[in-house]
N, C-alpha and C. Protein backbone atom coordinates (compact mmCIF):
# COMPACT_ATOMS: atom_id res chain seq x y z
N MET A 1 16.93 3.27 -23.64
CA MET A 1 16.06 3.12 -23.27
C MET A 1 15.30 4.41 -22.96
N ASN A 2 14.00 4.45 -23.19
CA ASN A 2 13.43 5.62 -22.91
C ASN A 2 12.11 5.72 -22.12
N ASN A 3 12.32 6.74 -21.20
CA ASN A 3 11.34 6.79 -20.21
C ASN A 3 9.79 6.99 -20.73
N TRP A 4 9.91 7.75 -21.88
CA TRP A 4 8.49 7.84 -22.20
C TRP A 4 7.14 6.52 -22.21
N MET A 5 6.27 6.95 -21.62
CA MET A 5 5.13 5.75 -21.43
C MET A 5 4.10 6.16 -22.47
N THR A 6 3.52 5.07 -22.81
CA THR A 6 2.30 5.38 -23.61
C THR A 6 0.88 5.65 -22.52
N PRO A 7 0.06 6.46 -22.84
CA PRO A 7 -1.23 6.51 -22.14
C PRO A 7 -1.68 5.28 -21.32
N GLU A 8 -1.74 4.56 -22.43
CA GLU A 8 -2.24 2.98 -21.66
C GLU A 8 -1.44 2.48 -20.41
N GLU A 9 -0.14 2.62 -20.74
CA GLU A 9 0.95 2.11 -19.78
C GLU A 9 0.58 2.81 -18.43
N MET A 10 0.55 4.25 -18.53
CA MET A 10 0.22 5.36 -17.55
C MET A 10 -0.91 4.94 -16.73
N ALA A 11 -2.00 4.64 -17.21
CA ALA A 11 -3.34 4.41 -16.80
C ALA A 11 -3.18 3.11 -16.12
N ARG A 12 -2.52 1.94 -16.60
CA ARG A 12 -2.02 0.47 -16.01
C ARG A 12 -1.43 1.18 -14.66
N LYS A 13 -0.21 1.66 -14.82
CA LYS A 13 0.65 1.73 -13.41
C LYS A 13 -0.47 2.47 -12.52
N ARG A 14 -1.25 3.73 -12.97
CA ARG A 14 -1.75 4.12 -12.01
C ARG A 14 -2.93 3.14 -11.40
N ASP A 15 -3.64 2.48 -11.79
CA ASP A 15 -4.58 1.35 -11.60
C ASP A 15 -3.84 0.66 -10.63
N PHE A 16 -2.77 0.10 -10.81
CA PHE A 16 -1.98 -0.57 -10.28
C PHE A 16 -1.58 -0.52 -8.66
N ARG A 17 -1.08 1.32 -8.80
CA ARG A 17 -1.04 1.76 -7.70
C ARG A 17 -1.88 1.84 -6.37
N LYS A 18 -3.15 2.13 -7.35
CA LYS A 18 -4.36 2.45 -6.53
C LYS A 18 -4.84 1.26 -5.93
N LYS A 19 -4.78 -0.11 -6.49
CA LYS A 19 -4.91 -1.64 -6.02
C LYS A 19 -3.90 -1.79 -4.60
N LEU A 20 -2.96 -1.11 -4.97
CA LEU A 20 -1.67 -1.60 -4.17
C LEU A 20 -2.09 -0.73 -2.74
N MET A 21 -2.59 0.22 -2.59
CA MET A 21 -2.77 1.34 -1.73
C MET A 21 -3.85 0.38 -0.90
N TYR A 22 -5.12 0.39 -1.75
CA TYR A 22 -6.24 -0.41 -1.08
C TYR A 22 -5.71 -1.83 -0.38
N VAL A 23 -4.87 -2.51 -0.99
CA VAL A 23 -4.20 -3.56 -0.18
C VAL A 23 -3.45 -3.29 1.29
N ALA A 24 -2.58 -2.12 0.72
CA ALA A 24 -1.47 -1.78 2.15
C ALA A 24 -1.94 -1.35 2.81
N ILE A 25 -2.97 -0.30 2.84
CA ILE A 25 -3.80 0.27 4.01
C ILE A 25 -4.10 -0.43 5.26
N PRO A 26 -4.91 -1.39 4.92
CA PRO A 26 -5.56 -2.66 5.90
C PRO A 26 -4.34 -3.40 6.37
N ILE A 27 -3.62 -3.74 5.35
CA ILE A 27 -2.32 -4.38 6.35
C ILE A 27 -1.55 -3.52 7.21
N ILE A 28 -1.08 -2.41 6.70
CA ILE A 28 -0.57 -1.38 7.99
C ILE A 28 -1.25 -1.25 8.95
N GLY A 29 -2.81 -1.20 8.83
CA GLY A 29 -3.37 -0.92 9.92
C GLY A 29 -3.28 -2.16 10.83
N ALA A 30 -3.55 -3.25 10.50
CA ALA A 30 -3.61 -4.61 11.38
C ALA A 30 -2.10 -4.35 11.96
N VAL A 31 -1.04 -4.13 11.28
CA VAL A 31 0.39 -4.46 11.81
C VAL A 31 0.46 -3.54 13.02
N LEU A 32 0.02 -1.96 12.85
CA LEU A 32 0.03 -1.01 13.90
C LEU A 32 -1.01 -1.59 15.11
N GLY A 33 -2.14 -1.84 14.55
CA GLY A 33 -2.94 -2.47 15.66
C GLY A 33 -2.46 -3.44 16.55
N SER A 34 -1.86 -4.69 15.98
CA SER A 34 -1.20 -5.62 16.73
C SER A 34 -0.04 -5.31 17.41
N ILE A 35 0.85 -4.29 16.97
CA ILE A 35 2.02 -3.58 17.84
C ILE A 35 1.24 -2.80 19.12
N ILE A 36 0.52 -2.22 18.77
CA ILE A 36 -0.37 -1.10 19.85
C ILE A 36 -1.03 -2.25 20.87
N GLY A 37 -1.38 -3.23 20.62
CA GLY A 37 -2.12 -4.26 21.19
C GLY A 37 -1.03 -4.81 22.18
N ILE A 38 0.18 -5.39 21.65
CA ILE A 38 1.24 -5.93 22.43
C ILE A 38 1.89 -5.11 23.29
N LEU A 39 2.14 -3.82 22.82
CA LEU A 39 2.71 -2.65 23.69
C LEU A 39 1.58 -2.34 25.12
N SER A 40 0.38 -2.46 24.77
CA SER A 40 -0.48 -2.17 25.84
C SER A 40 -0.62 -3.36 26.87
N GLN A 41 -0.34 -4.59 26.51
CA GLN A 41 -0.40 -5.59 27.26
C GLN A 41 1.16 -5.86 27.83
N MET A 42 2.07 -5.26 27.49
CA MET A 42 3.00 -5.01 28.17
C MET A 42 3.43 -4.06 29.39
N LEU A 43 2.66 -3.27 29.12
CA LEU A 43 2.57 -1.97 30.18
C LEU A 43 1.86 -2.23 31.42
């Protein structure tokens, strides 16, 4: 198995990572926000 990828595959992987980041950031923000909200209510 060779690790060498074609430019098309690299571009596809890069686009996938970019989409993943756009999806992950709001989810992480929502999780952090809910944790902070729960902690502030407990205090």
